[in-house]
C-alpha atoms as a PDB file:
ATOM      1  CA  MET A   1      31.503 -10.518  27.971  1.00  0.00           C
ATOM      2  CA  LYS A   2      29.687 -10.460  24.640  1.00  0.00           C
ATOM      3  CA  LYS A   3      29.136 -14.173  24.850  1.00  0.00           C
ATOM      4  CA  PHE A   4      27.916 -13.890  28.372  1.00  0.00           C
ATOM      5  CA  TYR A   5      25.515 -11.029  27.340  1.00  0.00           C
ATOM      6  CA  ILE A   6      24.108 -13.029  24.410  1.00  0.00           C
ATOM      7  CA  ILE A   7      23.608 -16.268  26.574  1.00  0.00           C
ATOM      8  CA  ALA A   8      21.901 -14.166  29.282  1.00  0.00           C
ATOM      9  CA  ILE A   9      19.515 -12.465  26.762  1.00  0.00           C
ATOM     10  CA  ILE A  10      18.586 -15.873  25.297  1.00  0.00           C
ATOM     11  CA  ILE A  11      17.784 -17.367  28.714  1.00  0.00           C
ATOM     12  CA  THR A  12      15.890 -14.217  29.723  1.00  0.00           C
ATOM     13  CA  VAL A  13      13.598 -14.675  26.633  1.00  0.00           C
ATOM     14  CA  LEU A  14      13.004 -18.294  27.581  1.00  0.00           C
ATOM     15  CA  TYR A  15      12.185 -17.410  31.167  1.00  0.00           C
ATOM     16  CA  ALA A  16       9.740 -14.692  30.025  1.00  0.00           C
ATOM     17  CA  GLY A  17       7.281 -17.384  29.080  1.00  0.00           C
ATOM     18  CA  PHE A  18       6.905 -18.479  32.660  1.00  0.00           C
ATOM     19  CA  ASN A  19       5.047 -16.721  35.535  1.00  0.00           C
ATOM     20  CA  VAL A  20       5.946 -17.161  39.154  1.00  0.00           C
ATOM     21  CA  THR A  21       3.065 -19.017  40.772  1.00  0.00           C
ATOM     22  CA  PHE A  22       4.360 -19.757  44.312  1.00  0.00           C
ATOM     23  CA  ASP A  23       2.153 -19.164  47.318  1.00  0.00           C
ATOM     24  CA  MET A  24       2.605 -19.832  49.896  1.00  0.00           C
ATOM     25  CA  VAL A  25      18.867 -16.086  69.287  1.00  0.00           C
ATOM     26  CA  TYR A  26      17.608 -13.798  70.140  1.00  0.00           C
ATOM     27  CA  PRO A  27      20.532 -11.344  70.431  1.00  0.00           C
ATOM     28  CA  THR A  28      20.818  -9.839  66.950  1.00  0.00           C
ATOM     29  CA  ARG A  29      23.965 -10.914  65.079  1.00  0.00           C
ATOM     30  CA  ASP A  30      26.367  -8.460  63.480  1.00  0.00           C
ATOM     31  CA  SER A  31      26.870  -9.087  59.742  1.00  0.00           C
ATOM     32  CA  GLU A  32      30.420  -7.770  59.753  1.00  0.00           C
ATOM     33  CA  PRO A  33      32.430 -10.406  57.846  1.00  0.00           C
ATOM     34  CA  SER A  34      35.127 -12.350  59.585  1.00  0.00           C
ATOM     35  CA  SER A  35      38.646 -11.112  58.922  1.00  0.00           C
ATOM     36  CA  ILE A  36      40.676 -12.817  56.309  1.00  0.00           C
ATOM     37  CA  ALA A  37      43.132 -13.981  59.005  1.00  0.00           C
ATOM     38  CA  GLU A  38      40.290 -15.842  60.807  1.00  0.00           C
ATOM     39  CA  ILE A  39      39.548 -17.868  57.727  1.00  0.00           C
ATOM     40  CA  VAL A  40      41.786 -20.897  57.277  1.00  0.00           C
ATOM     41  CA  GLU A  41      42.954 -21.316  53.705  1.00  0.00           C
ATOM     42  CA  GLU A  42      42.347 -24.897  52.363  1.00  0.00           C
ATOM     43  CA  THR A  43      43.532 -26.592  49.182  1.00  0.00           C
ATOM     44  CA  TYR A  44      41.126 -28.188  46.809  1.00  0.00           C
ATOM     45  CA  THR A  45      41.989 -30.230  43.654  1.00  0.00           C
ATOM     46  CA  GLN A  46      38.640 -30.667  42.036  1.00  0.00           C
ATOM     47  CA  PRO A  47      38.037 -30.016  38.262  1.00  0.00           C
ATOM     48  CA  GLU A  48      38.003 -26.454  37.078  1.00  0.00           C
ATOM     49  CA  LEU A  49      34.982 -24.223  36.966  1.00  0.00           C
ATOM     50  CA  LYS A  50      34.223 -22.199  33.840  1.00  0.00           C
ATOM     51  CA  SER A  51      37.313 -20.341  32.745  1.00  0.00           C
ATOM     52  CA  VAL A  52      37.615 -16.583  33.286  1.00  0.00           C
ATOM     53  CA  LYS A  53      39.026 -14.195  30.770  1.00  0.00           C
ATOM     54  CA  THR A  54      41.851 -12.189  32.439  1.00  0.00           C
ATOM     55  CA  THR A  55      43.194 -10.019  29.645  1.00  0.00           C
ATOM     56  CA  ASN A  56      43.318  -6.236  29.931  1.00  0.00           C
ATOM     57  CA  ILE A  57      42.496  -6.185  33.635  1.00  0.00           C
ATOM     58  CA  ASP A  58      43.528  -3.454  36.086  1.00  0.00           C
ATOM     59  CA  LYS A  59      47.066  -3.229  37.415  1.00  0.00           C
ATOM     60  CA  LYS A  60      45.771  -4.308  40.856  1.00  0.00           C
ATOM     61  CA  LEU A  61      44.999  -7.807  39.477  1.00  0.00           C
ATOM     62  CA  THR A  62      47.417 -10.548  38.549  1.00  0.00           C
ATOM     63  CA  ASP A  63      47.227 -13.176  35.898  1.00  0.00           C
ATOM     64  CA  GLU A  64      47.444 -16.030  38.404  1.00  0.00           C
ATOM     65  CA  LYS A  65      45.090 -18.873  37.860  1.00  0.00           C
ATOM     66  CA  LEU A  66      42.028 -18.687  40.006  1.00  0.00           C
ATOM     67  CA  PRO A  67      41.501 -21.449  42.621  1.00  0.00           C
ATOM     68  CA  THR A  68      38.757 -23.928  41.676  1.00  0.00           C
ATOM     69  CA  VAL A  69      36.222 -26.011  43.523  1.00  0.00           C
ATOM     70  CA  GLN A  70      33.419 -28.422  42.597  1.00  0.00           C
ATOM     71  CA  PHE A  71      30.499 -28.466  44.957  1.00  0.00           C
ATOM     72  CA  LEU A  72      27.758 -30.143  42.911  1.00  0.00           C
ATOM     73  CA  PRO A  73      27.384 -31.306  39.302  1.00  0.00           C
ATOM     74  CA  GLU A  74      26.316 -28.559  36.870  1.00  0.00           C
ATOM     75  CA  ASN A  75      22.708 -28.439  35.700  1.00  0.00           C
ATOM     76  CA  ASN A  76      22.875 -29.167  32.008  1.00  0.00           C
ATOM     77  CA  ASN A  77      19.612 -27.448  31.297  1.00  0.00           C
ATOM     78  CA  SER A  78      21.149 -24.003  31.749  1.00  0.00           C
ATOM     79  CA  GLY A  79      23.441 -22.185  29.359  1.00  0.00           C
ATOM     80  CA  LEU A  80      25.285 -20.575  32.336  1.00  0.00           C
ATOM     81  CA  SER A  81      27.188 -22.088  35.240  1.00  0.00           C
ATOM     82  CA  VAL A  82      26.155 -21.547  38.761  1.00  0.00           C
ATOM     83  CA  GLU A  83      29.101 -19.139  39.116  1.00  0.00           C
ATOM     84  CA  ASP A  84      27.742 -17.032  36.174  1.00  0.00           C
ATOM     85  CA  GLU A  85      24.280 -16.978  37.687  1.00  0.00           C
ATOM     86  CA  LEU A  86      25.836 -15.776  40.899  1.00  0.00           C
ATOM     87  CA  ILE A  87      27.557 -12.929  39.100  1.00  0.00           C
ATOM     88  CA  ILE A  88      24.078 -11.804  37.992  1.00  0.00           C
ATOM     89  CA  CYS A  89      22.703 -12.003  41.510  1.00  0.00           C
ATOM     90  CA  ILE A  90      25.746 -10.176  42.915  1.00  0.00           C
ATOM     91  CA  ALA A  91      25.531  -7.424  40.349  1.00  0.00           C
ATOM     92  CA  TYR A  92      21.877  -7.022  41.404  1.00  0.00           C
ATOM     93  CA  VAL A  93      22.357  -6.873  45.159  1.00  0.00           C
ATOM     94  CA  GLU A  94      25.582  -4.884  45.117  1.00  0.00           C
ATOM     95  CA  ASN A  95      25.343  -2.713  41.996  1.00  0.00           C
ATOM     96  CA  TYR A  96      28.573  -1.814  40.156  1.00  0.00           C
ATOM     97  CA  HIS A  97      30.853   0.993  41.221  1.00  0.00           C
ATOM     98  CA  SER A  98      33.869   1.792  39.122  1.00  0.00           C
ATOM     99  CA  GLN A  99      35.377   4.051  41.753  1.00  0.00           C
ATOM    100  CA  SER A 100      36.228   2.969  45.352  1.00  0.00           C
ATOM    101  CA  TYR A 101      33.741   4.170  48.050  1.00  0.00           C
ATOM    102  CA  PHE A 102      33.723   3.862  51.876  1.00  0.00           C
ATOM    103  CA  CYS A 103      31.131   1.368  53.145  1.00  0.00           C
ATOM    104  CA  GLY A 104      30.739   0.494  56.791  1.00  0.00           C
ATOM    105  CA  ALA A 105      34.376   0.119  57.877  1.00  0.00           C
ATOM    106  CA  ARG A 106      36.190  -0.664  54.580  1.00  0.00           C
ATOM    107  CA  TRP A 107      36.934   0.871  51.173  1.00  0.00           C
ATOM    108  CA  THR A 108      34.839  -1.019  48.571  1.00  0.00           C
ATOM    109  CA  ILE A 109      34.779  -1.224  44.813  1.00  0.00           C
ATOM    110  CA  GLY A 110      33.220  -3.032  41.889  1.00  0.00           C
ATOM    111  CA  TYR A 111      30.542  -5.488  43.020  1.00  0.00           C
ATOM    112  CA  GLY A 112      31.113  -4.965  46.705  1.00  0.00           C
ATOM    113  CA  SER A 113      34.721  -6.135  46.813  1.00  0.00           C
ATOM    114  CA  THR A 114      37.021  -4.923  49.659  1.00  0.00           C
ATOM    115  CA  ILE A 115      39.961  -7.073  48.451  1.00  0.00           C
ATOM    116  CA  TYR A 116      41.351  -7.411  44.927  1.00  0.00           C
ATOM    117  CA  ALA A 117      41.989 -10.731  43.250  1.00  0.00           C
ATOM    118  CA  ASN A 118      45.616 -10.618  44.132  1.00  0.00           C
ATOM    119  CA  GLY A 119      44.861 -10.078  47.823  1.00  0.00           C
ATOM    120  CA  SER A 120      45.573  -6.404  48.199  1.00  0.00           C
ATOM    121  CA  ARG A 121      42.985  -4.254  49.968  1.00  0.00           C
ATOM    122  CA  VAL A 122      40.933  -1.603  48.228  1.00  0.00           C
ATOM    123  CA  GLN A 123      42.030   1.889  48.899  1.00  0.00           C
ATOM    124  CA  SER A 124      40.487   5.362  48.356  1.00  0.00           C
ATOM    125  CA  GLY A 125      40.695   7.023  44.990  1.00  0.00           C
ATOM    126  CA  GLU A 126      40.966   3.759  42.992  1.00  0.00           C
ATOM    127  CA  HIS A 127      39.172   2.688  39.801  1.00  0.00           C
ATOM    128  CA  ILE A 128      38.191  -0.667  38.334  1.00  0.00           C
ATOM    129  CA  SER A 129      36.838  -1.938  35.091  1.00  0.00           C
ATOM    130  CA  MET A 130      33.705  -4.050  34.839  1.00  0.00           C
ATOM    131  CA  LEU A 131      35.718  -7.082  33.763  1.00  0.00           C
ATOM    132  CA  ALA A 132      38.237  -6.665  36.639  1.00  0.00           C
ATOM    133  CA  ALA A 133      35.404  -6.250  39.138  1.00  0.00           C
ATOM    134  CA  GLN A 134      33.802  -9.462  37.929  1.00  0.00           C
ATOM    135  CA  ASN A 135      37.163 -11.205  38.265  1.00  0.00           C
ATOM    136  CA  CYS A 136      37.326 -10.013  41.875  1.00  0.00           C
ATOM    137  CA  ALA A 137      33.811 -11.387  42.604  1.00  0.00           C
ATOM    138  CA  ARG A 138      34.674 -14.701  40.982  1.00  0.00           C
ATOM    139  CA  THR A 139      37.924 -14.982  42.953  1.00  0.00           C
ATOM    140  CA  HIS A 140      36.072 -14.280  46.205  1.00  0.00           C
ATOM    141  CA  LEU A 141      33.411 -16.912  45.396  1.00  0.00           C
ATOM    142  CA  ARG A 142      36.102 -19.553  44.697  1.00  0.00           C
ATOM    143  CA  ARG A 143      38.211 -18.746  47.727  1.00  0.00           C
ATOM    144  CA  ARG A 144      35.754 -17.502  50.359  1.00  0.00           C
ATOM    145  CA  VAL A 145      32.382 -18.962  49.499  1.00  0.00           C
ATOM    146  CA  PHE A 146      32.297 -22.317  47.604  1.00  0.00           C
ATOM    147  CA  PRO A 147      34.929 -24.048  49.907  1.00  0.00           C
ATOM    148  CA  TYR A 148      32.745 -23.255  52.941  1.00  0.00           C
ATOM    149  CA  ILE A 149      29.662 -24.721  51.363  1.00  0.00           C
ATOM    150  CA  ASN A 150      31.699 -27.903  50.813  1.00  0.00           C
ATOM    151  CA  LYS A 151      33.025 -27.805  54.373  1.00  0.00           C
ATOM    152  CA  TYR A 152      29.908 -27.002  56.358  1.00  0.00           C
ATOM    153  CA  VAL A 153      26.843 -28.084  54.403  1.00  0.00           C
ATOM    154  CA  LYS A 154      26.053 -31.684  55.169  1.00  0.00           C
ATOM    155  CA  ARG A 155      23.373 -32.349  52.591  1.00  0.00           C
ATOM    156  CA  GLU A 156      22.886 -31.952  48.870  1.00  0.00           C
ATOM    157  CA  LEU A 157      21.586 -28.555  47.796  1.00  0.00           C
ATOM    158  CA  SER A 158      19.463 -27.648  44.786  1.00  0.00           C
ATOM    159  CA  ARG A 159      20.837 -25.173  42.307  1.00  0.00           C
ATOM    160  CA  ALA A 160      18.689 -22.433  43.759  1.00  0.00           C
ATOM    161  CA  GLU A 161      19.811 -23.317  47.287  1.00  0.00           C
ATOM    162  CA  ILE A 162      23.452 -23.182  46.255  1.00  0.00           C
ATOM    163  CA  ILE A 163      22.986 -19.702  44.820  1.00  0.00           C
ATOM    164  CA  GLY A 164      21.061 -18.405  47.784  1.00  0.00           C
ATOM    165  CA  THR A 165      23.571 -19.879  50.244  1.00  0.00           C
ATOM    166  CA  SER A 166      26.439 -18.382  48.326  1.00  0.00           C
ATOM    167  CA  LEU A 167      24.843 -14.975  48.431  1.00  0.00           C
ATOM    168  CA  PHE A 168      24.389 -15.336  52.138  1.00  0.00           C
ATOM    169  CA  ILE A 169      28.059 -16.073  52.615  1.00  0.00           C
ATOM    170  CA  TYR A 170      29.037 -13.300  50.298  1.00  0.00           C
ATOM    171  CA  ASN A 171      27.116 -10.969  52.422  1.00  0.00           C
ATOM    172  CA  VAL A 172      27.900 -12.023  55.975  1.00  0.00           C
ATOM    173  CA  GLY A 173      31.222 -13.776  55.607  1.00  0.00           C
ATOM    174  CA  ALA A 174      32.312 -17.408  56.032  1.00  0.00           C
ATOM    175  CA  GLY A 175      32.824 -17.138  59.818  1.00  0.00           C
ATOM    176  CA  ASN A 176      29.334 -15.911  60.499  1.00  0.00           C
ATOM    177  CA  PHE A 177      27.909 -18.512  58.122  1.00  0.00           C
ATOM    178  CA  ALA A 178      29.656 -21.360  59.905  1.00  0.00           C
ATOM    179  CA  SER A 179      27.993 -20.458  63.277  1.00  0.00           C
ATOM    180  CA  SER A 180      24.629 -19.296  61.810  1.00  0.00           C
ATOM    181  CA  ALA A 181      21.202 -20.564  62.633  1.00  0.00           C
ATOM    182  CA  PHE A 182      20.653 -20.643  58.862  1.00  0.00           C
ATOM    183  CA  LEU A 183      23.352 -23.288  58.372  1.00  0.00           C
ATOM    184  CA  LYS A 184      21.889 -25.412  61.215  1.00  0.00           C
ATOM    185  CA  ALA A 185      18.445 -25.281  59.631  1.00  0.00           C
ATOM    186  CA  VAL A 186      19.896 -26.186  56.216  1.00  0.00           C
ATOM    187  CA  ASN A 187      21.704 -29.186  57.691  1.00  0.00           C
ATOM    188  CA  ARG A 188      18.599 -30.319  59.485  1.00  0.00           C
ATOM    189  CA  GLY A 189      16.719 -30.304  56.117  1.00  0.00           C
ATOM    190  CA  GLU A 190      14.109 -27.838  57.242  1.00  0.00           C
ATOM    191  CA  ASP A 191      11.606 -26.268  54.842  1.00  0.00           C
ATOM    192  CA  PRO A 192      13.325 -23.643  52.630  1.00  0.00           C
ATOM    193  CA  VAL A 193      11.263 -20.711  54.005  1.00  0.00           C
ATOM    194  CA  GLU A 194      12.113 -21.832  57.566  1.00  0.00           C
ATOM    195  CA  CYS A 195      15.829 -21.792  56.534  1.00  0.00           C
ATOM    196  CA  VAL A 196      15.768 -18.387  55.067  1.00  0.00           C
ATOM    197  CA  ARG A 197      13.818 -16.942  58.061  1.00  0.00           C
ATOM    198  CA  ARG A 198      17.092 -17.616  59.996  1.00  0.00           C
ATOM    199  CA  MET A 199      19.025 -15.413  57.692  1.00  0.00           C
ATOM    200  CA  THR A 200      17.275 -12.522  59.512  1.00  0.00           C
ATOM    201  CA  GLU A 201      19.436 -13.430  62.541  1.00  0.00           C
ATOM    202  CA  PHE A 202      21.773 -10.776  61.028  1.00  0.00           C
ATOM    203  CA  THR A 203      20.340  -7.293  61.334  1.00  0.00           C
ATOM    204  CA  LYS A 204      23.397  -5.121  62.126  1.00  0.00           C
ATOM    205  CA  SER A 205      26.256  -3.635  60.280  1.00  0.00           C
ATOM    206  CA  ALA A 206      29.245  -2.089  62.166  1.00  0.00           C
ATOM    207  CA  GLY A 207      27.206  -2.574  65.297  1.00  0.00           C
ATOM    208  CA  LYS A 208      24.163  -0.660  64.219  1.00  0.00           C
ATOM    209  CA  GLU A 209      20.725  -1.890  63.021  1.00  0.00           C
ATOM    210  CA  ALA A 210      20.631  -1.861  59.288  1.00  0.00           C
ATOM    211  CA  PRO A 211      17.249  -2.282  57.631  1.00  0.00           C
ATOM    212  CA  GLY A 212      19.034  -2.751  54.316  1.00  0.00           C
ATOM    213  CA  LEU A 213      20.301  -6.078  55.580  1.00  0.00           C
ATOM    214  CA  LEU A 214      16.801  -7.299  56.086  1.00  0.00           C
ATOM    215  CA  LYS A 215      15.858  -6.311  52.560  1.00  0.00           C
ATOM    216  CA  ARG A 216      18.852  -8.042  51.100  1.00  0.00           C
ATOM    217  CA  GLU A 217      18.090 -11.137  53.130  1.00  0.00           C
ATOM    218  CA  TRP A 218      14.649 -11.222  51.583  1.00  0.00           C
ATOM    219  CA  VAL A 219      16.134 -11.232  48.078  1.00  0.00           C
ATOM    220  CA  GLN A 220      18.633 -13.972  49.061  1.00  0.00           C
ATOM    221  CA  GLY A 221      15.806 -15.986  50.573  1.00  0.00           C
ATOM    222  CA  ALA A 222      13.508 -15.587  47.555  1.00  0.00           C
ATOM    223  CA  ILE A 223      16.358 -16.933  45.439  1.00  0.00           C
ATOM    224  CA  TYR A 224      17.142 -19.755  47.824  1.00  0.00           C
ATOM    225  CA  CYS A 225      13.534 -20.852  47.743  1.00  0.00           C
ATOM    226  CA  GLY A 226      13.281 -20.644  43.949  1.00  0.00           C
ATOM    227  CA  TYR A 227      10.682 -17.904  43.916  1.00  0.00           C
ATOM    228  CA  ILE A 228      13.064 -15.610  41.972  1.00  0.00           C
ATOM    229  CA  THR A 229      15.669 -16.797  39.483  1.00  0.00           C
ATOM    230  CA  PRO A 230      18.875 -14.999  38.505  1.00  0.00           C
ATOM    231  CA  TYR A 231      17.360 -14.382  35.054  1.00  0.00           C
ATOM    232  CA  ASP A 232      14.333 -12.555  36.624  1.00  0.00           C
ATOM    233  CA  LEU A 233      16.958  -9.959  37.855  1.00  0.00           C
ATOM    234  CA  LEU A 234      18.434  -9.137  34.556  1.00  0.00           C
ATOM    235  CA  GLU A 235      15.907  -6.415  33.686  1.00  0.00           C
ATOM    236  CA  LEU A 236      15.739  -4.974  37.203  1.00  0.00           C
ATOM    237  CA  LYS A 237      17.428  -1.850  38.577  1.00  0.00           C
ATOM    238  CA  PRO A 238      20.614  -2.774  40.434  1.00  0.00           C
ATOM    239  CA  ALA A 239      20.084  -2.578  44.207  1.00  0.00           C
ATOM    240  CA  GLY A 240      16.667  -1.098  43.614  1.00  0.00           C
ATOM    241  CA  PHE A 241      15.134  -3.203  46.402  1.00  0.00           C
ATOM    242  CA  TYR A 242      16.731  -0.815  48.870  1.00  0.00           C
ATOM    243  CA  ASN A 243      14.281   1.862  47.880  1.00  0.00           C
ATOM    244  CA  TYR A 244      11.337   0.294  49.677  1.00  0.00           C
ATOM    245  CA  GLY A 245      10.399  -0.102  53.376  1.00  0.00           C
ATOM    246  CA  VAL A 246      11.009  -3.323  55.323  1.00  0.00           C
ATOM    247  CA  ASP A 247       7.228  -3.779  55.562  1.00  0.00           C
ATOM    248  CA  GLU A 248       7.206  -4.528  51.797  1.00  0.00           C
ATOM    249  CA  TYR A 249       9.233  -7.624  52.562  1.00  0.00           C
ATOM    250  CA  TYR A 250       8.202  -8.930  56.001  1.00  0.00           C
ATOM    251  CA  SER A 251       4.922  -9.518  57.832  1.00  0.00           C
ATOM    252  CA  GLY A 252       4.361  -7.093  60.640  1.00  0.00           C
ATOM    253  CA  ASN A 253       7.714  -5.485  60.193  1.00  0.00           C
ATOM    254  CA  HIS A 254       8.979  -7.082  63.433  1.00  0.00           C
ATOM    255  CA  ARG A 255      10.433 -10.262  64.797  1.00  0.00           C
ATOM    256  CA  SER A 256       8.317 -13.254  65.357  1.00  0.00           C
ATOM    257  CA  TRP A 257       8.080 -15.125  68.680  1.00  0.00           C
ATOM    258  CA  ASP A 258      11.297 -17.116  67.822  1.00  0.00           C
ATOM    259  CA  GLY A 259      13.346 -14.073  67.038  1.00  0.00           C
ATOM    260  CA  TYR A 260      13.216 -14.141  63.272  1.00  0.00           C
ATOM    261  CA  TYR A 261      11.294 -12.213  60.687  1.00  0.00           C
ATOM    262  CA  ASN A 262       8.579 -13.761  58.507  1.00  0.00           C
ATOM    263  CA  PRO A 263       9.237 -12.989  54.783  1.00  0.00           C
ATOM    264  CA  LYS A 264       6.314 -12.345  52.438  1.00  0.00           C
ATOM    265  CA  TYR A 265       6.629 -14.754  49.549  1.00  0.00           C
ATOM    266  CA  SER A 266       3.161 -15.082  48.119  1.00  0.00           C
ATOM    267  CA  SER A 267       2.814 -15.053  44.335  1.00  0.00           C
ATOM    268  CA  ASN A 268       1.446 -11.518  44.497  1.00  0.00           C
ATOM    269  CA  ASP A 269       4.379 -10.331  46.642  1.00  0.00           C
ATOM    270  CA  ILE A 270       6.855 -11.823  44.098  1.00  0.00           C
ATOM    271  CA  LYS A 271       5.062 -10.307  41.135  1.00  0.00           C
ATOM    272  CA  LYS A 272       4.861  -6.944  42.846  1.00  0.00           C
ATOM    273  CA  PHE A 273       8.559  -6.969  43.610  1.00  0.00           C
ATOM    274  CA  LEU A 274       9.559  -7.807  40.066  1.00  0.00           C
ATOM    275  CA  HIS A 275       7.225  -5.194  38.631  1.00  0.00           C
ATOM    276  CA  LYS A 276       8.273  -2.327  41.029  1.00  0.00           C
ATOM    277  CA  ASN A 277      12.041  -3.002  40.444  1.00  0.00           C
ATOM    278  CA  ARG A 278      11.908  -3.235  36.714  1.00  0.00           C
ATOM    279  CA  ASP A 279      13.969  -0.502  35.033  1.00  0.00           C
ATOM    280  CA  THR A 280      14.973   0.620  31.501  1.00  0.00           C
ATOM    281  CA  SER A 281      17.645   3.216  32.163  1.00  0.00           C
ATOM    282  CA  ARG A 282      20.070   1.000  34.170  1.00  0.00           C
ATOM    283  CA  ARG A 283      19.580  -2.670  34.408  1.00  0.00           C
ATOM    284  CA  VAL A 284      21.578  -5.515  35.819  1.00  0.00           C
ATOM    285  CA  ILE A 285      22.322  -6.763  32.393  1.00  0.00           C
ATOM    286  CA  ASP A 286      23.931  -3.424  31.624  1.00  0.00           C
ATOM    287  CA  ILE A 287      26.536  -3.792  34.396  1.00  0.00           C
ATOM    288  CA  ILE A 288      27.777  -7.355  33.714  1.00  0.00           C
END
């Protein structure tokens, strides 16, 4: 973790020298993830991703080797792997909870995990360390996210697109991703903003409208388009984006003619978002 922290700090300093200058169905879908039983387990034999330290983890976890998958060559210009960058993003959108809490229809812990790395479900009254929570997130990415990018995405993705797509799957589940309008737009090679507009197909949780989903989809979309990088998130308040209204993120605060929302991604919108969510008391870098 110390090495991860130091690398993240160095890259944050490097990114500080750059300013963001980017300007710029119909029935709503439920974001409830598909059940594990509905997802077919597949075997991959690609080279390993970055190794994960598994010492001193909680009793709920095992020392089994995590499954691995290779989806695109690593970008050698970055000190962190795509998986490491995703941990930063997941920590931001999920926050870190050391004690289990009830969310929607499931007990949840750590960085939004409902299942431990060994496959057992999270129960009430349980505790988890930061390292063990990160291990759960990595396991989920390797088992339930990366393989489905390999399986369903038919074109090469940029690094930013891989991260944004992974966050989308982490949020709505592999089953919903496989049938989503977002995936269809990605495979057609549509403009990135047009692709992320289709993320807003999902606006419900447990059958009820959930404005928080739209806010999260704005963040996922901004990362997918490259308007925000994982390193921009390190100094922000975890899950701080939930504290603002939907109108902060979407034009008109309603669906467009085609059933999707129009995200606001002008350079001023991005700068305003980063400024308003910056924090000193509890930052993303403090919970990874």
